[in-house]
PDB file of N, CA and C in Angstrom:
ATOM      1  N   MET A   1     118.849 128.648 134.833  1.00  0.00           N
ATOM      2  CA  MET A   1     117.878 128.707 133.762  1.00  0.00           C
ATOM      3  C   MET A   1     116.868 129.791 134.125  1.00  0.00           C
ATOM      4  N   ASP A   2     116.498 130.596 133.129  1.00  0.00           N
ATOM      5  CA  ASP A   2     115.591 131.691 133.448  1.00  0.00           C
ATOM      6  C   ASP A   2     114.135 131.234 133.536  1.00  0.00           C
ATOM      7  N   THR A   3     113.318 132.104 134.095  1.00  0.00           N
ATOM      8  CA  THR A   3     111.912 131.784 134.339  1.00  0.00           C
ATOM      9  C   THR A   3     111.158 131.501 133.050  1.00  0.00           C
ATOM     10  N   ASN A   4     111.449 132.249 131.996  1.00  0.00           N
ATOM     11  CA  ASN A   4     110.739 132.022 130.733  1.00  0.00           C
ATOM     12  C   ASN A   4     111.021 130.633 130.181  1.00  0.00           C
ATOM     13  N   LYS A   5     112.258 130.174 130.273  1.00  0.00           N
ATOM     14  CA  LYS A   5     112.601 128.834 129.789  1.00  0.00           C
ATOM     15  C   LYS A   5     111.888 127.779 130.629  1.00  0.00           C
ATOM     16  N   MET A   6     111.847 127.974 131.949  1.00  0.00           N
ATOM     17  CA  MET A   6     111.138 127.034 132.821  1.00  0.00           C
ATOM     18  C   MET A   6     109.660 126.991 132.446  1.00  0.00           C
ATOM     19  N   ARG A   7     109.074 128.164 132.198  1.00  0.00           N
ATOM     20  CA  ARG A   7     107.655 128.231 131.856  1.00  0.00           C
ATOM     21  C   ARG A   7     107.397 127.510 130.530  1.00  0.00           C
ATOM     22  N   GLU A   8     108.272 127.718 129.532  1.00  0.00           N
ATOM     23  CA  GLU A   8     108.126 127.037 128.239  1.00  0.00           C
ATOM     24  C   GLU A   8     108.164 125.523 128.414  1.00  0.00           C
ATOM     25  N   MET A   9     109.107 125.038 129.229  1.00  0.00           N
ATOM     26  CA  MET A   9     109.225 123.597 129.447  1.00  0.00           C
ATOM     27  C   MET A   9     107.983 123.051 130.141  1.00  0.00           C
ATOM     28  N   ARG A  10     107.459 123.775 131.119  1.00  0.00           N
ATOM     29  CA  ARG A  10     106.260 123.334 131.832  1.00  0.00           C
ATOM     30  C   ARG A  10     105.069 123.279 130.890  1.00  0.00           C
ATOM     31  N   GLU A  11     104.889 124.320 130.098  1.00  0.00           N
ATOM     32  CA  GLU A  11     103.741 124.359 129.201  1.00  0.00           C
ATOM     33  C   GLU A  11     103.855 123.303 128.110  1.00  0.00           C
ATOM     34  N   ALA A  12     105.072 123.031 127.641  1.00  0.00           N
ATOM     35  CA  ALA A  12     105.261 121.960 126.655  1.00  0.00           C
ATOM     36  C   ALA A  12     104.893 120.618 127.272  1.00  0.00           C
ATOM     37  N   PHE A  13     105.275 120.403 128.522  1.00  0.00           N
ATOM     38  CA  PHE A  13     104.920 119.170 129.218  1.00  0.00           C
ATOM     39  C   PHE A  13     103.409 119.046 129.342  1.00  0.00           C
ATOM     40  N   GLU A  14     102.765 120.120 129.726  1.00  0.00           N
ATOM     41  CA  GLU A  14     101.315 120.071 129.911  1.00  0.00           C
ATOM     42  C   GLU A  14     100.572 119.790 128.608  1.00  0.00           C
ATOM     43  N   ARG A  15     101.102 120.263 127.486  1.00  0.00           N
ATOM     44  CA  ARG A  15     100.445 119.991 126.209  1.00  0.00           C
ATOM     45  C   ARG A  15     100.476 118.508 125.879  1.00  0.00           C
ATOM     46  N   THR A  16     101.455 117.781 126.409  1.00  0.00           N
ATOM     47  CA  THR A  16     101.543 116.345 126.145  1.00  0.00           C
ATOM     48  C   THR A  16     100.866 115.526 127.235  1.00  0.00           C
ATOM     49  N   ASN A  17     100.496 116.163 128.327  1.00  0.00           N
ATOM     50  CA  ASN A  17      99.849 115.479 129.440  1.00  0.00           C
ATOM     51  C   ASN A  17      98.372 115.275 129.109  1.00  0.00           C
ATOM     52  N   SER A  18      97.742 114.313 129.738  1.00  0.00           N
ATOM     53  CA  SER A  18      96.346 114.005 129.444  1.00  0.00           C
ATOM     54  C   SER A  18      95.381 115.045 130.000  1.00  0.00           C
ATOM     55  N   ARG A  19      95.802 115.819 130.974  1.00  0.00           N
ATOM     56  CA  ARG A  19      94.918 116.853 131.519  1.00  0.00           C
ATOM     57  C   ARG A  19      94.747 117.979 130.514  1.00  0.00           C
ATOM     58  N   ASP A  20      93.608 118.631 130.557  1.00  0.00           N
ATOM     59  CA  ASP A  20      93.338 119.758 129.674  1.00  0.00           C
ATOM     60  C   ASP A  20      93.835 121.033 130.345  1.00  0.00           C
ATOM     61  N   HIS A  21      94.840 121.654 129.743  1.00  0.00           N
ATOM     62  CA  HIS A  21      95.436 122.854 130.329  1.00  0.00           C
ATOM     63  C   HIS A  21      95.244 124.061 129.427  1.00  0.00           C
ATOM     64  N   ARG A  22      94.055 124.211 128.876  1.00  0.00           N
ATOM     65  CA  ARG A  22      93.801 125.400 128.057  1.00  0.00           C
ATOM     66  C   ARG A  22      93.565 126.569 129.003  1.00  0.00           C
ATOM     67  N   ARG A  23      94.609 127.325 129.199  1.00  0.00           N
ATOM     68  CA  ARG A  23      94.526 128.452 130.124  1.00  0.00           C
ATOM     69  C   ARG A  23      95.016 129.696 129.413  1.00  0.00           C
ATOM     70  N   GLN A  24      94.552 130.813 129.886  1.00  0.00           N
ATOM     71  CA  GLN A  24      95.005 132.059 129.289  1.00  0.00           C
ATOM     72  C   GLN A  24      96.484 132.239 129.596  1.00  0.00           C
ATOM     73  N   PRO A  25      97.188 132.876 128.672  1.00  0.00           N
ATOM     74  CA  PRO A  25      98.626 133.073 128.892  1.00  0.00           C
ATOM     75  C   PRO A  25      98.882 133.962 130.106  1.00  0.00           C
ATOM     76  N   PRO A  26     100.088 133.882 130.647  1.00  0.00           N
ATOM     77  CA  PRO A  26     100.395 134.673 131.833  1.00  0.00           C
ATOM     78  C   PRO A  26     100.360 136.167 131.534  1.00  0.00           C
ATOM     79  N   LYS A  27      99.992 136.918 132.545  1.00  0.00           N
ATOM     80  CA  LYS A  27     100.021 138.374 132.461  1.00  0.00           C
ATOM     81  C   LYS A  27     101.157 138.803 133.377  1.00  0.00           C
ATOM     82  N   GLY A  28     102.256 139.237 132.800  1.00  0.00           N
ATOM     83  CA  GLY A  28     103.438 139.521 133.602  1.00  0.00           C
ATOM     84  C   GLY A  28     104.009 138.208 134.099  1.00  0.00           C
ATOM     85  N   ASN A  29     104.191 138.089 135.403  1.00  0.00           N
ATOM     86  CA  ASN A  29     104.728 136.859 135.990  1.00  0.00           C
ATOM     87  C   ASN A  29     103.647 135.939 136.527  1.00  0.00           C
ATOM     88  N   ASN A  30     102.388 136.346 136.425  1.00  0.00           N
ATOM     89  CA  ASN A  30     101.309 135.564 137.020  1.00  0.00           C
ATOM     90  C   ASN A  30     100.274 135.154 135.984  1.00  0.00           C
ATOM     91  N   TYR A  31      99.724 133.964 136.182  1.00  0.00           N
ATOM     92  CA  TYR A  31      98.615 133.511 135.355  1.00  0.00           C
ATOM     93  C   TYR A  31      97.325 134.150 135.863  1.00  0.00           C
ATOM     94  N   ILE A  32      96.377 134.350 134.963  1.00  0.00           N
ATOM     95  CA  ILE A  32      95.081 134.913 135.341  1.00  0.00           C
ATOM     96  C   ILE A  32      94.285 133.885 136.141  1.00  0.00           C
ATOM     97  N   ASP A  33      94.297 132.651 135.694  1.00  0.00           N
ATOM     98  CA  ASP A  33      93.573 131.555 136.350  1.00  0.00           C
ATOM     99  C   ASP A  33      94.301 131.175 137.644  1.00  0.00           C
ATOM    100  N   PRO A  34      93.635 131.253 138.803  1.00  0.00           N
ATOM    101  CA  PRO A  34      94.297 130.922 140.070  1.00  0.00           C
ATOM    102  C   PRO A  34      94.836 129.491 140.119  1.00  0.00           C
ATOM    103  N   MET A  35      94.126 128.548 139.484  1.00  0.00           N
ATOM    104  CA  MET A  35      94.620 127.165 139.470  1.00  0.00           C
ATOM    105  C   MET A  35      95.895 127.057 138.640  1.00  0.00           C
ATOM    106  N   ALA A  36      95.931 127.776 137.526  1.00  0.00           N
ATOM    107  CA  ALA A  36      97.143 127.777 136.701  1.00  0.00           C
ATOM    108  C   ALA A  36      98.295 128.389 137.478  1.00  0.00           C
ATOM    109  N   GLN A  37      98.023 129.455 138.234  1.00  0.00           N
ATOM    110  CA  GLN A  37      99.061 130.092 139.041  1.00  0.00           C
ATOM    111  C   GLN A  37      99.560 129.139 140.121  1.00  0.00           C
ATOM    112  N   ALA A  38      98.641 128.439 140.771  1.00  0.00           N
ATOM    113  CA  ALA A  38      99.039 127.474 141.807  1.00  0.00           C
ATOM    114  C   ALA A  38      99.872 126.351 141.201  1.00  0.00           C
ATOM    115  N   ASP A  39      99.472 125.868 140.018  1.00  0.00           N
ATOM    116  CA  ASP A  39     100.257 124.835 139.327  1.00  0.00           C
ATOM    117  C   ASP A  39     101.655 125.349 139.017  1.00  0.00           C
ATOM    118  N   TRP A  40     101.739 126.596 138.533  1.00  0.00           N
ATOM    119  CA  TRP A  40     103.020 127.193 138.163  1.00  0.00           C
ATOM    120  C   TRP A  40     103.927 127.308 139.385  1.00  0.00           C
ATOM    121  N   GLU A  41     103.378 127.754 140.503  1.00  0.00           N
ATOM    122  CA  GLU A  41     104.179 127.893 141.715  1.00  0.00           C
ATOM    123  C   GLU A  41     104.666 126.535 142.218  1.00  0.00           C
ATOM    124  N   SER A  42     103.822 125.528 142.141  1.00  0.00           N
ATOM    125  CA  SER A  42     104.231 124.170 142.531  1.00  0.00           C
ATOM    126  C   SER A  42     105.321 123.654 141.615  1.00  0.00           C
ATOM    127  N   PHE A  43     105.155 123.903 140.329  1.00  0.00           N
ATOM    128  CA  PHE A  43     106.162 123.479 139.358  1.00  0.00           C
ATOM    129  C   PHE A  43     107.503 124.140 139.657  1.00  0.00           C
ATOM    130  N   GLN A  44     107.486 125.449 139.926  1.00  0.00           N
ATOM    131  CA  GLN A  44     108.730 126.164 140.214  1.00  0.00           C
ATOM    132  C   GLN A  44     109.442 125.575 141.430  1.00  0.00           C
ATOM    133  N   LYS A  45     108.692 125.284 142.478  1.00  0.00           N
ATOM    134  CA  LYS A  45     109.293 124.713 143.689  1.00  0.00           C
ATOM    135  C   LYS A  45     109.930 123.356 143.398  1.00  0.00           C
ATOM    136  N   GLY A  46     109.225 122.529 142.655  1.00  0.00           N
ATOM    137  CA  GLY A  46     109.770 121.220 142.289  1.00  0.00           C
ATOM    138  C   GLY A  46     110.988 121.337 141.401  1.00  0.00           C
ATOM    139  N   TRP A  47     110.927 122.259 140.470  1.00  0.00           N
ATOM    140  CA  TRP A  47     112.045 122.476 139.546  1.00  0.00           C
ATOM    141  C   TRP A  47     113.285 122.900 140.326  1.00  0.00           C
ATOM    142  N   GLN A  48     113.128 123.881 141.211  1.00  0.00           N
ATOM    143  CA  GLN A  48     114.260 124.349 142.002  1.00  0.00           C
ATOM    144  C   GLN A  48     114.821 123.231 142.872  1.00  0.00           C
ATOM    145  N   ALA A  49     113.952 122.461 143.492  1.00  0.00           N
ATOM    146  CA  ALA A  49     114.412 121.357 144.339  1.00  0.00           C
ATOM    147  C   ALA A  49     115.185 120.332 143.519  1.00  0.00           C
ATOM    148  N   SER A  50     114.720 120.061 142.303  1.00  0.00           N
ATOM    149  CA  SER A  50     115.423 119.080 141.469  1.00  0.00           C
ATOM    150  C   SER A  50     116.794 119.599 141.067  1.00  0.00           C
ATOM    151  N   ARG A  51     116.899 120.893 140.812  1.00  0.00           N
ATOM    152  CA  ARG A  51     118.186 121.482 140.440  1.00  0.00           C
ATOM    153  C   ARG A  51     119.148 121.495 141.615  1.00  0.00           C
ATOM    154  N   GLU A  52     118.644 121.772 142.792  1.00  0.00           N
ATOM    155  CA  GLU A  52     119.496 121.819 143.980  1.00  0.00           C
ATOM    156  C   GLU A  52     119.998 120.435 144.370  1.00  0.00           C
ATOM    157  N   ALA A  53     119.267 119.411 144.000  1.00  0.00           N
ATOM    158  CA  ALA A  53     119.642 118.045 144.371  1.00  0.00           C
ATOM    159  C   ALA A  53     120.758 117.483 143.493  1.00  0.00           C
ATOM    160  N   VAL A  54     121.012 118.098 142.354  1.00  0.00           N
ATOM    161  CA  VAL A  54     122.000 117.569 141.410  1.00  0.00           C
ATOM    162  C   VAL A  54     123.352 118.237 141.644  1.00  0.00           C
ATOM    163  N   ALA A  55     124.385 117.421 141.771  1.00  0.00           N
ATOM    164  CA  ALA A  55     125.760 117.915 141.851  1.00  0.00           C
ATOM    165  C   ALA A  55     126.590 117.083 140.879  1.00  0.00           C
ATOM    166  N   VAL A  56     127.105 117.734 139.858  1.00  0.00           N
ATOM    167  CA  VAL A  56     127.854 117.048 138.808  1.00  0.00           C
ATOM    168  C   VAL A  56     129.322 116.959 139.201  1.00  0.00           C
ATOM    169  N   GLU A  57     129.875 115.771 139.076  1.00  0.00           N
ATOM    170  CA  GLU A  57     131.294 115.574 139.366  1.00  0.00           C
ATOM    171  C   GLU A  57     132.078 115.747 138.069  1.00  0.00           C
ATOM    172  N   LEU A  58     133.061 116.630 138.098  1.00  0.00           N
ATOM    173  CA  LEU A  58     133.872 116.865 136.906  1.00  0.00           C
ATOM    174  C   LEU A  58     134.838 115.705 136.687  1.00  0.00           C
ATOM    175  N   PRO A  59     135.104 115.382 135.425  1.00  0.00           N
ATOM    176  CA  PRO A  59     136.040 114.291 135.141  1.00  0.00           C
ATOM    177  C   PRO A  59     137.476 114.712 135.440  1.00  0.00           C
ATOM    178  N   LYS A  60     138.331 113.743 135.528  1.00  0.00           N
ATOM    179  CA  LYS A  60     139.762 114.001 135.725  1.00  0.00           C
ATOM    180  C   LYS A  60     140.415 114.166 134.351  1.00  0.00           C
ATOM    181  N   PHE A  61     141.395 115.027 134.307  1.00  0.00           N
ATOM    182  CA  PHE A  61     142.135 115.264 133.071  1.00  0.00           C
ATOM    183  C   PHE A  61     143.620 115.009 133.333  1.00  0.00           C
ATOM    184  N   ASP A  62     143.930 113.824 133.834  1.00  0.00           N
ATOM    185  CA  ASP A  62     145.297 113.496 134.240  1.00  0.00           C
ATOM    186  C   ASP A  62     146.301 113.511 133.095  1.00  0.00           C
ATOM    187  N   ASP A  63     145.844 113.259 131.880  1.00  0.00           N
ATOM    188  CA  ASP A  63     146.767 113.171 130.743  1.00  0.00           C
ATOM    189  C   ASP A  63     147.083 114.523 130.118  1.00  0.00           C
ATOM    190  N   TYR A  64     146.579 115.603 130.701  1.00  0.00           N
ATOM    191  CA  TYR A  64     146.774 116.927 130.130  1.00  0.00           C
ATOM    192  C   TYR A  64     147.670 117.764 131.031  1.00  0.00           C
ATOM    193  N   PRO A  65     148.359 118.746 130.453  1.00  0.00           N
ATOM    194  CA  PRO A  65     149.141 119.662 131.288  1.00  0.00           C
ATOM    195  C   PRO A  65     148.218 120.405 132.262  1.00  0.00           C
ATOM    196  N   ALA A  66     148.776 120.846 133.367  1.00  0.00           N
ATOM    197  CA  ALA A  66     147.983 121.481 134.430  1.00  0.00           C
ATOM    198  C   ALA A  66     147.179 122.677 133.922  1.00  0.00           C
ATOM    199  N   SER A  67     147.772 123.490 133.062  1.00  0.00           N
ATOM    200  CA  SER A  67     147.054 124.678 132.579  1.00  0.00           C
ATOM    201  C   SER A  67     145.845 124.289 131.727  1.00  0.00           C
ATOM    202  N   MET A  68     145.985 123.235 130.909  1.00  0.00           N
ATOM    203  CA  MET A  68     144.851 122.777 130.095  1.00  0.00           C
ATOM    204  C   MET A  68     143.777 122.171 130.986  1.00  0.00           C
ATOM    205  N   GLU A  69     144.205 121.421 131.976  1.00  0.00           N
ATOM    206  CA  GLU A  69     143.244 120.812 132.899  1.00  0.00           C
ATOM    207  C   GLU A  69     142.431 121.899 133.597  1.00  0.00           C
ATOM    208  N   ARG A  70     143.120 122.930 134.080  1.00  0.00           N
ATOM    209  CA  ARG A  70     142.444 124.028 134.769  1.00  0.00           C
ATOM    210  C   ARG A  70     141.432 124.709 133.838  1.00  0.00           C
ATOM    211  N   ASP A  71     141.837 124.971 132.590  1.00  0.00           N
ATOM    212  CA  ASP A  71     140.942 125.626 131.627  1.00  0.00           C
ATOM    213  C   ASP A  71     139.730 124.756 131.299  1.00  0.00           C
ATOM    214  N   MET A  72     139.947 123.458 131.108  1.00  0.00           N
ATOM    215  CA  MET A  72     138.837 122.558 130.778  1.00  0.00           C
ATOM    216  C   MET A  72     137.863 122.451 131.949  1.00  0.00           C
ATOM    217  N   ARG A  73     138.407 122.327 133.148  1.00  0.00           N
ATOM    218  CA  ARG A  73     137.540 122.219 134.323  1.00  0.00           C
ATOM    219  C   ARG A  73     136.726 123.505 134.517  1.00  0.00           C
ATOM    220  N   GLU A  74     137.357 124.645 134.292  1.00  0.00           N
ATOM    221  CA  GLU A  74     136.638 125.914 134.448  1.00  0.00           C
ATOM    222  C   GLU A  74     135.556 126.070 133.381  1.00  0.00           C
ATOM    223  N   SER A  75     135.833 125.652 132.162  1.00  0.00           N
ATOM    224  CA  SER A  75     134.822 125.712 131.092  1.00  0.00           C
ATOM    225  C   SER A  75     133.641 124.811 131.416  1.00  0.00           C
ATOM    226  N   LEU A  76     133.933 123.600 131.872  1.00  0.00           N
ATOM    227  CA  LEU A  76     132.859 122.681 132.249  1.00  0.00           C
ATOM    228  C   LEU A  76     132.048 123.229 133.420  1.00  0.00           C
ATOM    229  N   ARG A  77     132.747 123.747 134.413  1.00  0.00           N
ATOM    230  CA  ARG A  77     132.065 124.304 135.589  1.00  0.00           C
ATOM    231  C   ARG A  77     131.113 125.424 135.164  1.00  0.00           C
ATOM    232  N   SER A  78     131.577 126.317 134.315  1.00  0.00           N
ATOM    233  CA  SER A  78     130.738 127.433 133.858  1.00  0.00           C
ATOM    234  C   SER A  78     129.511 126.938 133.110  1.00  0.00           C
ATOM    235  N   ALA A  79     129.696 125.959 132.229  1.00  0.00           N
ATOM    236  CA  ALA A  79     128.578 125.426 131.442  1.00  0.00           C
ATOM    237  C   ALA A  79     127.551 124.735 132.338  1.00  0.00           C
ATOM    238  N   ILE A  80     128.025 123.988 133.309  1.00  0.00           N
ATOM    239  CA  ILE A  80     127.125 123.271 134.223  1.00  0.00           C
ATOM    240  C   ILE A  80     126.356 124.259 135.095  1.00  0.00           C
ATOM    241  N   GLU A  81     127.056 125.226 135.650  1.00  0.00           N
ATOM    242  CA  GLU A  81     126.400 126.208 136.514  1.00  0.00           C
ATOM    243  C   GLU A  81     125.430 127.092 135.731  1.00  0.00           C
ATOM    244  N   ALA A  82     125.698 127.325 134.450  1.00  0.00           N
ATOM    245  CA  ALA A  82     124.778 128.106 133.612  1.00  0.00           C
ATOM    246  C   ALA A  82     123.436 127.402 133.450  1.00  0.00           C
ATOM    247  N   GLN A  83     123.423 126.087 133.643  1.00  0.00           N
ATOM    248  CA  GLN A  83     122.185 125.310 133.561  1.00  0.00           C
ATOM    249  C   GLN A  83     121.480 125.202 134.912  1.00  0.00           C
ATOM    250  N   GLY A  84     122.029 125.880 135.917  1.00  0.00           N
ATOM    251  CA  GLY A  84     121.393 125.876 137.231  1.00  0.00           C
ATOM    252  C   GLY A  84     121.764 124.687 138.093  1.00  0.00           C
ATOM    253  N   LEU A  85     122.814 123.972 137.706  1.00  0.00           N
ATOM    254  CA  LEU A  85     123.255 122.805 138.472  1.00  0.00           C
ATOM    255  C   LEU A  85     124.494 123.157 139.280  1.00  0.00           C
ATOM    256  N   LYS A  86     124.780 122.342 140.275  1.00  0.00           N
ATOM    257  CA  LYS A  86     125.972 122.530 141.098  1.00  0.00           C
ATOM    258  C   LYS A  86     127.070 121.591 140.620  1.00  0.00           C
ATOM    259  N   VAL A  87     128.298 121.991 140.888  1.00  0.00           N
ATOM    260  CA  VAL A  87     129.452 121.147 140.596  1.00  0.00           C
ATOM    261  C   VAL A  87     129.974 120.624 141.924  1.00  0.00           C
ATOM    262  N   ALA A  88     130.156 119.309 142.002  1.00  0.00           N
ATOM    263  CA  ALA A  88     130.659 118.697 143.233  1.00  0.00           C
ATOM    264  C   ALA A  88     132.075 119.197 143.501  1.00  0.00           C
ATOM    265  N   PRO A  89     132.380 119.439 144.768  1.00  0.00           N
ATOM    266  CA  PRO A  89     133.738 119.921 145.105  1.00  0.00           C
ATOM    267  C   PRO A  89     134.802 118.879 144.847  1.00  0.00           C
TER     268      PRO A  89
END
């Protein structure tokens, strides 16, 4: 997942949180407000850790021919990895 999507999700969360997060928008990759920048960096670390902790196990496709099974597993693997998650071996 790209940084902009992560930032959108964080800011959407903060708008629903009870804390007041009226901060100036980021300039480039950094927020102007040092507290907002520190919050953003903490959020990124937590986000990455949560993504690294997840490993998705692919289902079995025993009822399908081998070529279809291979194609389905590869499609699932690509979709899962595109979301920043790992696929269990």
